[in-house]
């Protein structure tokens, strides 16, 4: 395992960031986002990467998120009602769809900004925003700030976790330790935010 992680870390930065960007794109798509752990992917990239790749990781996360959210937004604007009453809408659930619309009506663009910190709704809110005819320029601006804040938070947590991994005795895997400690820290940091925002979903 350690040898495999070392080989991954030696891959070209461009390839690593490209894969990370694709993972972020899938993470931002409804249904697929539930299956793709975006936060774990960021922490893994920090764990196997090099200090100089921090800016590239940040850019890959933001670009991937914006690409996925823009696709969902445009799909919601073009096929919102059809998707809502289709099999895909049934998988998402009418209650979640209605909750996403309530969140957007109450909070508007501010809720798009905090969408990355909301599990499940991070992929559903862009789809609902398109269906509610939110101006794309406003959506993109709020989504960019939200993606940047989310990426920055996990980069900071991942970097701190990797530094802690270097202090541990023995041949501990930097990526595994970074992921474990980073997820623990992220849970503590985001728990209060998610609890307050969950009330808006009814």
C-alpha atoms as a PDB file:
ATOM      1  CA  UNK A   1       0.000   0.000   0.000  1.00  0.00           C
ATOM      2  CA  UNK A   2       2.734   2.436   0.928  1.00  0.00           C
ATOM      3  CA  UNK A   3       4.618   1.630  -2.292  1.00  0.00           C
ATOM      4  CA  UNK A   4       1.463   2.174  -4.369  1.00  0.00           C
ATOM      5  CA  UNK A   5       0.825   5.535  -2.704  1.00  0.00           C
ATOM      6  CA  UNK A   6       4.417   6.536  -3.307  1.00  0.00           C
ATOM      7  CA  UNK A   7       4.003   5.734  -7.009  1.00  0.00           C
ATOM      8  CA  UNK A   8       0.808   7.780  -7.149  1.00  0.00           C
ATOM      9  CA  UNK A   9       2.635  10.691  -5.577  1.00  0.00           C
ATOM     10  CA  UNK A  10       5.265  10.520  -8.306  1.00  0.00           C
ATOM     11  CA  UNK A  11       2.746  10.927 -11.118  1.00  0.00           C
ATOM     12  CA  UNK A  12       2.875  14.200 -13.076  1.00  0.00           C
ATOM     13  CA  UNK A  13       1.110  17.028 -11.278  1.00  0.00           C
ATOM     14  CA  UNK A  14      -0.980  17.771 -14.356  1.00  0.00           C
ATOM     15  CA  UNK A  15      -2.355  14.218 -14.400  1.00  0.00           C
ATOM     16  CA  UNK A  16      -3.115  14.219 -10.675  1.00  0.00           C
ATOM     17  CA  UNK A  17      -4.900  17.551 -10.878  1.00  0.00           C
ATOM     18  CA  UNK A  18      -6.831  16.460 -13.954  1.00  0.00           C
ATOM     19  CA  UNK A  19      -8.125  13.389 -12.138  1.00  0.00           C
ATOM     20  CA  UNK A  20      -8.997  15.512  -9.102  1.00  0.00           C
ATOM     21  CA  UNK A  21     -10.909  17.967 -11.286  1.00  0.00           C
ATOM     22  CA  UNK A  22     -12.946  15.135 -12.839  1.00  0.00           C
ATOM     23  CA  UNK A  23     -13.717  13.749  -9.370  1.00  0.00           C
ATOM     24  CA  UNK A  24     -14.933  17.189  -8.288  1.00  0.00           C
ATOM     25  CA  UNK A  25     -17.112  17.425 -11.388  1.00  0.00           C
ATOM     26  CA  UNK A  26     -18.792  14.100 -10.561  1.00  0.00           C
ATOM     27  CA  UNK A  27     -19.108  15.124  -6.903  1.00  0.00           C
ATOM     28  CA  UNK A  28     -21.163  18.154  -7.995  1.00  0.00           C
ATOM     29  CA  UNK A  29     -23.666  16.099 -10.037  1.00  0.00           C
ATOM     30  CA  UNK A  30     -26.884  14.897  -8.332  1.00  0.00           C
ATOM     31  CA  UNK A  31     -26.875  11.183  -7.426  1.00  0.00           C
ATOM     32  CA  UNK A  32     -23.245  10.809  -8.501  1.00  0.00           C
ATOM     33  CA  UNK A  33     -22.250  13.279  -5.786  1.00  0.00           C
ATOM     34  CA  UNK A  34     -23.514  10.885  -3.126  1.00  0.00           C
ATOM     35  CA  UNK A  35     -21.176   8.176  -4.417  1.00  0.00           C
ATOM     36  CA  UNK A  36     -18.102  10.384  -4.892  1.00  0.00           C
ATOM     37  CA  UNK A  37     -16.501  11.585  -1.630  1.00  0.00           C
ATOM     38  CA  UNK A  38     -15.144  14.944  -2.729  1.00  0.00           C
ATOM     39  CA  UNK A  39     -13.663  15.836   0.653  1.00  0.00           C
ATOM     40  CA  UNK A  40     -11.761  12.542   0.774  1.00  0.00           C
ATOM     41  CA  UNK A  41     -10.416  13.165  -2.735  1.00  0.00           C
ATOM     42  CA  UNK A  42      -9.040  16.570  -1.742  1.00  0.00           C
ATOM     43  CA  UNK A  43      -7.366  15.183   1.376  1.00  0.00           C
ATOM     44  CA  UNK A  44      -5.918  12.287  -0.619  1.00  0.00           C
ATOM     45  CA  UNK A  45      -4.515  14.712  -3.200  1.00  0.00           C
ATOM     46  CA  UNK A  46      -2.876  16.724  -0.424  1.00  0.00           C
ATOM     47  CA  UNK A  47      -1.545  13.544   1.163  1.00  0.00           C
ATOM     48  CA  UNK A  48       0.186  12.222  -1.957  1.00  0.00           C
ATOM     49  CA  UNK A  49       1.051  15.598  -3.439  1.00  0.00           C
ATOM     50  CA  UNK A  50       3.923  17.954  -2.857  1.00  0.00           C
ATOM     51  CA  UNK A  51       3.869  21.317  -1.076  1.00  0.00           C
ATOM     52  CA  UNK A  52       4.150  23.120  -4.407  1.00  0.00           C
ATOM     53  CA  UNK A  53       0.930  21.527  -5.681  1.00  0.00           C
ATOM     54  CA  UNK A  54      -1.297  23.389  -3.221  1.00  0.00           C
ATOM     55  CA  UNK A  55      -2.297  26.110  -5.691  1.00  0.00           C
ATOM     56  CA  UNK A  56      -2.866  23.546  -8.446  1.00  0.00           C
ATOM     57  CA  UNK A  57      -5.049  21.470  -6.108  1.00  0.00           C
ATOM     58  CA  UNK A  58      -7.072  24.549  -5.194  1.00  0.00           C
ATOM     59  CA  UNK A  59      -7.586  25.425  -8.871  1.00  0.00           C
ATOM     60  CA  UNK A  60      -8.547  21.851  -9.816  1.00  0.00           C
ATOM     61  CA  UNK A  61     -11.164  21.692  -7.051  1.00  0.00           C
ATOM     62  CA  UNK A  62     -12.714  25.063  -7.906  1.00  0.00           C
ATOM     63  CA  UNK A  63     -12.782  24.445 -11.663  1.00  0.00           C
ATOM     64  CA  UNK A  64     -14.164  20.923 -11.264  1.00  0.00           C
ATOM     65  CA  UNK A  65     -16.895  22.073  -8.877  1.00  0.00           C
ATOM     66  CA  UNK A  66     -17.922  24.979 -11.094  1.00  0.00           C
ATOM     67  CA  UNK A  67     -18.048  22.726 -14.152  1.00  0.00           C
ATOM     68  CA  UNK A  68     -20.286  20.196 -12.408  1.00  0.00           C
ATOM     69  CA  UNK A  69     -22.535  22.831 -10.830  1.00  0.00           C
ATOM     70  CA  UNK A  70     -22.880  24.708 -14.121  1.00  0.00           C
ATOM     71  CA  UNK A  71     -23.968  21.526 -15.887  1.00  0.00           C
ATOM     72  CA  UNK A  72     -26.532  20.868 -13.150  1.00  0.00           C
ATOM     73  CA  UNK A  73     -27.723  24.486 -13.288  1.00  0.00           C
ATOM     74  CA  UNK A  74     -28.204  24.386 -17.047  1.00  0.00           C
ATOM     75  CA  UNK A  75     -29.941  20.998 -16.839  1.00  0.00           C
ATOM     76  CA  UNK A  76     -32.307  22.408 -14.208  1.00  0.00           C
ATOM     77  CA  UNK A  77     -33.068  25.442 -16.331  1.00  0.00           C
ATOM     78  CA  UNK A  78     -33.733  23.416 -19.486  1.00  0.00           C
ATOM     79  CA  UNK A  79     -35.308  20.213 -18.120  1.00  0.00           C
ATOM     80  CA  UNK A  80     -36.119  21.056 -14.480  1.00  0.00           C
ATOM     81  CA  UNK A  81     -39.761  19.975 -14.378  1.00  0.00           C
ATOM     82  CA  UNK A  82     -39.154  16.991 -16.620  1.00  0.00           C
ATOM     83  CA  UNK A  83     -36.272  15.783 -14.461  1.00  0.00           C
ATOM     84  CA  UNK A  84     -38.244  16.352 -11.271  1.00  0.00           C
ATOM     85  CA  UNK A  85     -41.032  14.050 -12.420  1.00  0.00           C
ATOM     86  CA  UNK A  86     -38.751  11.508 -14.068  1.00  0.00           C
ATOM     87  CA  UNK A  87     -37.130   8.417 -12.641  1.00  0.00           C
ATOM     88  CA  UNK A  88     -34.084  10.530 -11.741  1.00  0.00           C
ATOM     89  CA  UNK A  89     -36.342  12.854  -9.760  1.00  0.00           C
ATOM     90  CA  UNK A  90     -37.810   9.850  -7.987  1.00  0.00           C
ATOM     91  CA  UNK A  91     -34.331   8.706  -6.979  1.00  0.00           C
ATOM     92  CA  UNK A  92     -33.521  12.173  -5.645  1.00  0.00           C
ATOM     93  CA  UNK A  93     -36.820  12.367  -3.785  1.00  0.00           C
ATOM     94  CA  UNK A  94     -39.545  15.000  -3.917  1.00  0.00           C
ATOM     95  CA  UNK A  95     -38.893  15.982  -0.292  1.00  0.00           C
ATOM     96  CA  UNK A  96     -35.239  16.799  -1.022  1.00  0.00           C
ATOM     97  CA  UNK A  97     -36.156  18.687  -4.175  1.00  0.00           C
ATOM     98  CA  UNK A  98     -38.766  20.760  -2.339  1.00  0.00           C
ATOM     99  CA  UNK A  99     -36.340  21.402   0.515  1.00  0.00           C
ATOM    100  CA  UNK A 100     -33.706  22.658  -1.941  1.00  0.00           C
ATOM    101  CA  UNK A 101     -36.226  25.099  -3.411  1.00  0.00           C
ATOM    102  CA  UNK A 102     -37.208  26.337   0.057  1.00  0.00           C
ATOM    103  CA  UNK A 103     -33.556  26.903   0.923  1.00  0.00           C
ATOM    104  CA  UNK A 104     -33.016  28.940  -2.237  1.00  0.00           C
ATOM    105  CA  UNK A 105     -36.190  30.994  -1.809  1.00  0.00           C
ATOM    106  CA  UNK A 106     -35.235  31.903   1.757  1.00  0.00           C
ATOM    107  CA  UNK A 107     -31.518  32.422   1.289  1.00  0.00           C
ATOM    108  CA  UNK A 108     -31.054  33.053  -2.432  1.00  0.00           C
ATOM    109  CA  UNK A 109     -27.474  33.326  -3.625  1.00  0.00           C
ATOM    110  CA  UNK A 110     -26.132  33.081  -0.078  1.00  0.00           C
ATOM    111  CA  UNK A 111     -27.298  29.477   0.049  1.00  0.00           C
ATOM    112  CA  UNK A 112     -25.480  28.710  -3.197  1.00  0.00           C
ATOM    113  CA  UNK A 113     -22.362  30.078  -1.514  1.00  0.00           C
ATOM    114  CA  UNK A 114     -22.643  27.650   1.413  1.00  0.00           C
ATOM    115  CA  UNK A 115     -23.896  24.746  -0.725  1.00  0.00           C
ATOM    116  CA  UNK A 116     -20.507  22.937  -0.717  1.00  0.00           C
ATOM    117  CA  UNK A 117     -20.828  22.511   3.044  1.00  0.00           C
ATOM    118  CA  UNK A 118     -24.275  20.880   2.832  1.00  0.00           C
ATOM    119  CA  UNK A 119     -24.264  17.107   2.234  1.00  0.00           C
ATOM    120  CA  UNK A 120     -26.559  15.973  -0.593  1.00  0.00           C
ATOM    121  CA  UNK A 121     -27.801  19.528  -1.172  1.00  0.00           C
ATOM    122  CA  UNK A 122     -24.415  20.571  -2.553  1.00  0.00           C
ATOM    123  CA  UNK A 123     -25.296  18.710  -5.768  1.00  0.00           C
ATOM    124  CA  UNK A 124     -29.055  19.415  -5.713  1.00  0.00           C
ATOM    125  CA  UNK A 125     -29.065  23.179  -5.097  1.00  0.00           C
ATOM    126  CA  UNK A 126     -27.551  24.075  -8.514  1.00  0.00           C
ATOM    127  CA  UNK A 127     -30.212  21.948 -10.223  1.00  0.00           C
ATOM    128  CA  UNK A 128     -32.953  23.680  -8.238  1.00  0.00           C
ATOM    129  CA  UNK A 129     -31.403  27.109  -8.871  1.00  0.00           C
ATOM    130  CA  UNK A 130     -31.635  26.505 -12.602  1.00  0.00           C
ATOM    131  CA  UNK A 131     -35.244  25.411 -12.274  1.00  0.00           C
ATOM    132  CA  UNK A 132     -36.087  28.560 -10.301  1.00  0.00           C
ATOM    133  CA  UNK A 133     -34.527  30.711 -13.047  1.00  0.00           C
ATOM    134  CA  UNK A 134     -31.823  32.260 -10.900  1.00  0.00           C
ATOM    135  CA  UNK A 135     -29.609  34.504 -13.096  1.00  0.00           C
ATOM    136  CA  UNK A 136     -26.576  32.473 -14.141  1.00  0.00           C
ATOM    137  CA  UNK A 137     -24.157  35.324 -13.454  1.00  0.00           C
ATOM    138  CA  UNK A 138     -25.381  35.565  -9.874  1.00  0.00           C
ATOM    139  CA  UNK A 139     -25.272  31.786  -9.484  1.00  0.00           C
ATOM    140  CA  UNK A 140     -21.739  31.561 -10.869  1.00  0.00           C
ATOM    141  CA  UNK A 141     -20.439  34.329  -8.618  1.00  0.00           C
ATOM    142  CA  UNK A 142     -21.851  32.761  -5.464  1.00  0.00           C
ATOM    143  CA  UNK A 143     -20.789  29.273  -6.538  1.00  0.00           C
ATOM    144  CA  UNK A 144     -17.219  30.457  -7.166  1.00  0.00           C
ATOM    145  CA  UNK A 145     -16.945  31.958  -3.688  1.00  0.00           C
ATOM    146  CA  UNK A 146     -18.432  28.824  -2.142  1.00  0.00           C
ATOM    147  CA  UNK A 147     -16.135  26.471  -4.042  1.00  0.00           C
ATOM    148  CA  UNK A 148     -13.115  28.585  -3.124  1.00  0.00           C
ATOM    149  CA  UNK A 149     -14.062  28.595   0.567  1.00  0.00           C
ATOM    150  CA  UNK A 150     -14.668  24.837   0.574  1.00  0.00           C
ATOM    151  CA  UNK A 151     -11.445  24.055  -1.280  1.00  0.00           C
ATOM    152  CA  UNK A 152      -9.452  26.400   0.950  1.00  0.00           C
ATOM    153  CA  UNK A 153     -10.831  24.835   4.119  1.00  0.00           C
ATOM    154  CA  UNK A 154      -9.947  21.300   3.095  1.00  0.00           C
ATOM    155  CA  UNK A 155      -6.534  22.346   1.821  1.00  0.00           C
ATOM    156  CA  UNK A 156      -5.766  23.927   5.186  1.00  0.00           C
ATOM    157  CA  UNK A 157      -7.048  20.865   7.040  1.00  0.00           C
ATOM    158  CA  UNK A 158      -5.166  18.524   4.736  1.00  0.00           C
ATOM    159  CA  UNK A 159      -1.918  20.452   5.057  1.00  0.00           C
ATOM    160  CA  UNK A 160      -2.226  20.521   8.854  1.00  0.00           C
ATOM    161  CA  UNK A 161      -2.984  16.799   8.904  1.00  0.00           C
ATOM    162  CA  UNK A 162      -0.009  16.015   6.700  1.00  0.00           C
ATOM    163  CA  UNK A 163       2.236  18.000   9.024  1.00  0.00           C
ATOM    164  CA  UNK A 164       0.928  15.943  11.943  1.00  0.00           C
ATOM    165  CA  UNK A 165       1.575  12.763   9.964  1.00  0.00           C
ATOM    166  CA  UNK A 166       5.221  13.750   9.632  1.00  0.00           C
ATOM    167  CA  UNK A 167       5.535  13.908  13.408  1.00  0.00           C
ATOM    168  CA  UNK A 168       4.248  10.379  13.973  1.00  0.00           C
ATOM    169  CA  UNK A 169       6.806   7.635  14.622  1.00  0.00           C
ATOM    170  CA  UNK A 170       7.101   4.690  12.274  1.00  0.00           C
ATOM    171  CA  UNK A 171       6.393   4.290   8.557  1.00  0.00           C
ATOM    172  CA  UNK A 172       2.920   5.832   8.649  1.00  0.00           C
ATOM    173  CA  UNK A 173       1.357   6.549   5.257  1.00  0.00           C
ATOM    174  CA  UNK A 174       1.075  10.335   4.808  1.00  0.00           C
ATOM    175  CA  UNK A 175      -2.050   9.978   2.676  1.00  0.00           C
ATOM    176  CA  UNK A 176      -3.925   7.692   5.073  1.00  0.00           C
ATOM    177  CA  UNK A 177      -3.045   9.802   8.105  1.00  0.00           C
ATOM    178  CA  UNK A 178      -3.909  12.995   6.244  1.00  0.00           C
ATOM    179  CA  UNK A 179      -7.309  11.603   5.263  1.00  0.00           C
ATOM    180  CA  UNK A 180      -8.110  10.294   8.739  1.00  0.00           C
ATOM    181  CA  UNK A 181      -7.045  13.390  10.669  1.00  0.00           C
ATOM    182  CA  UNK A 182      -8.395  15.754   8.013  1.00  0.00           C
ATOM    183  CA  UNK A 183     -11.835  14.163   8.048  1.00  0.00           C
ATOM    184  CA  UNK A 184     -11.902  14.312  11.839  1.00  0.00           C
ATOM    185  CA  UNK A 185     -10.980  17.991  11.869  1.00  0.00           C
ATOM    186  CA  UNK A 186     -13.425  18.731   9.053  1.00  0.00           C
ATOM    187  CA  UNK A 187     -16.237  17.041  10.950  1.00  0.00           C
ATOM    188  CA  UNK A 188     -15.577  19.204  13.999  1.00  0.00           C
ATOM    189  CA  UNK A 189     -15.333  22.395  11.954  1.00  0.00           C
ATOM    190  CA  UNK A 190     -18.413  21.784   9.799  1.00  0.00           C
ATOM    191  CA  UNK A 191     -20.713  20.175  12.354  1.00  0.00           C
ATOM    192  CA  UNK A 192     -21.987  23.453  13.787  1.00  0.00           C
ATOM    193  CA  UNK A 193     -22.472  25.001  10.338  1.00  0.00           C
ATOM    194  CA  UNK A 194     -24.422  22.035   9.008  1.00  0.00           C
ATOM    195  CA  UNK A 195     -26.596  21.925  12.117  1.00  0.00           C
ATOM    196  CA  UNK A 196     -27.639  25.546  11.699  1.00  0.00           C
ATOM    197  CA  UNK A 197     -28.218  25.239   7.979  1.00  0.00           C
ATOM    198  CA  UNK A 198     -30.161  21.991   8.264  1.00  0.00           C
ATOM    199  CA  UNK A 199     -33.025  23.934   9.858  1.00  0.00           C
ATOM    200  CA  UNK A 200     -33.546  25.776   6.579  1.00  0.00           C
ATOM    201  CA  UNK A 201     -34.251  22.469   4.851  1.00  0.00           C
ATOM    202  CA  UNK A 202     -37.262  21.900   7.096  1.00  0.00           C
END
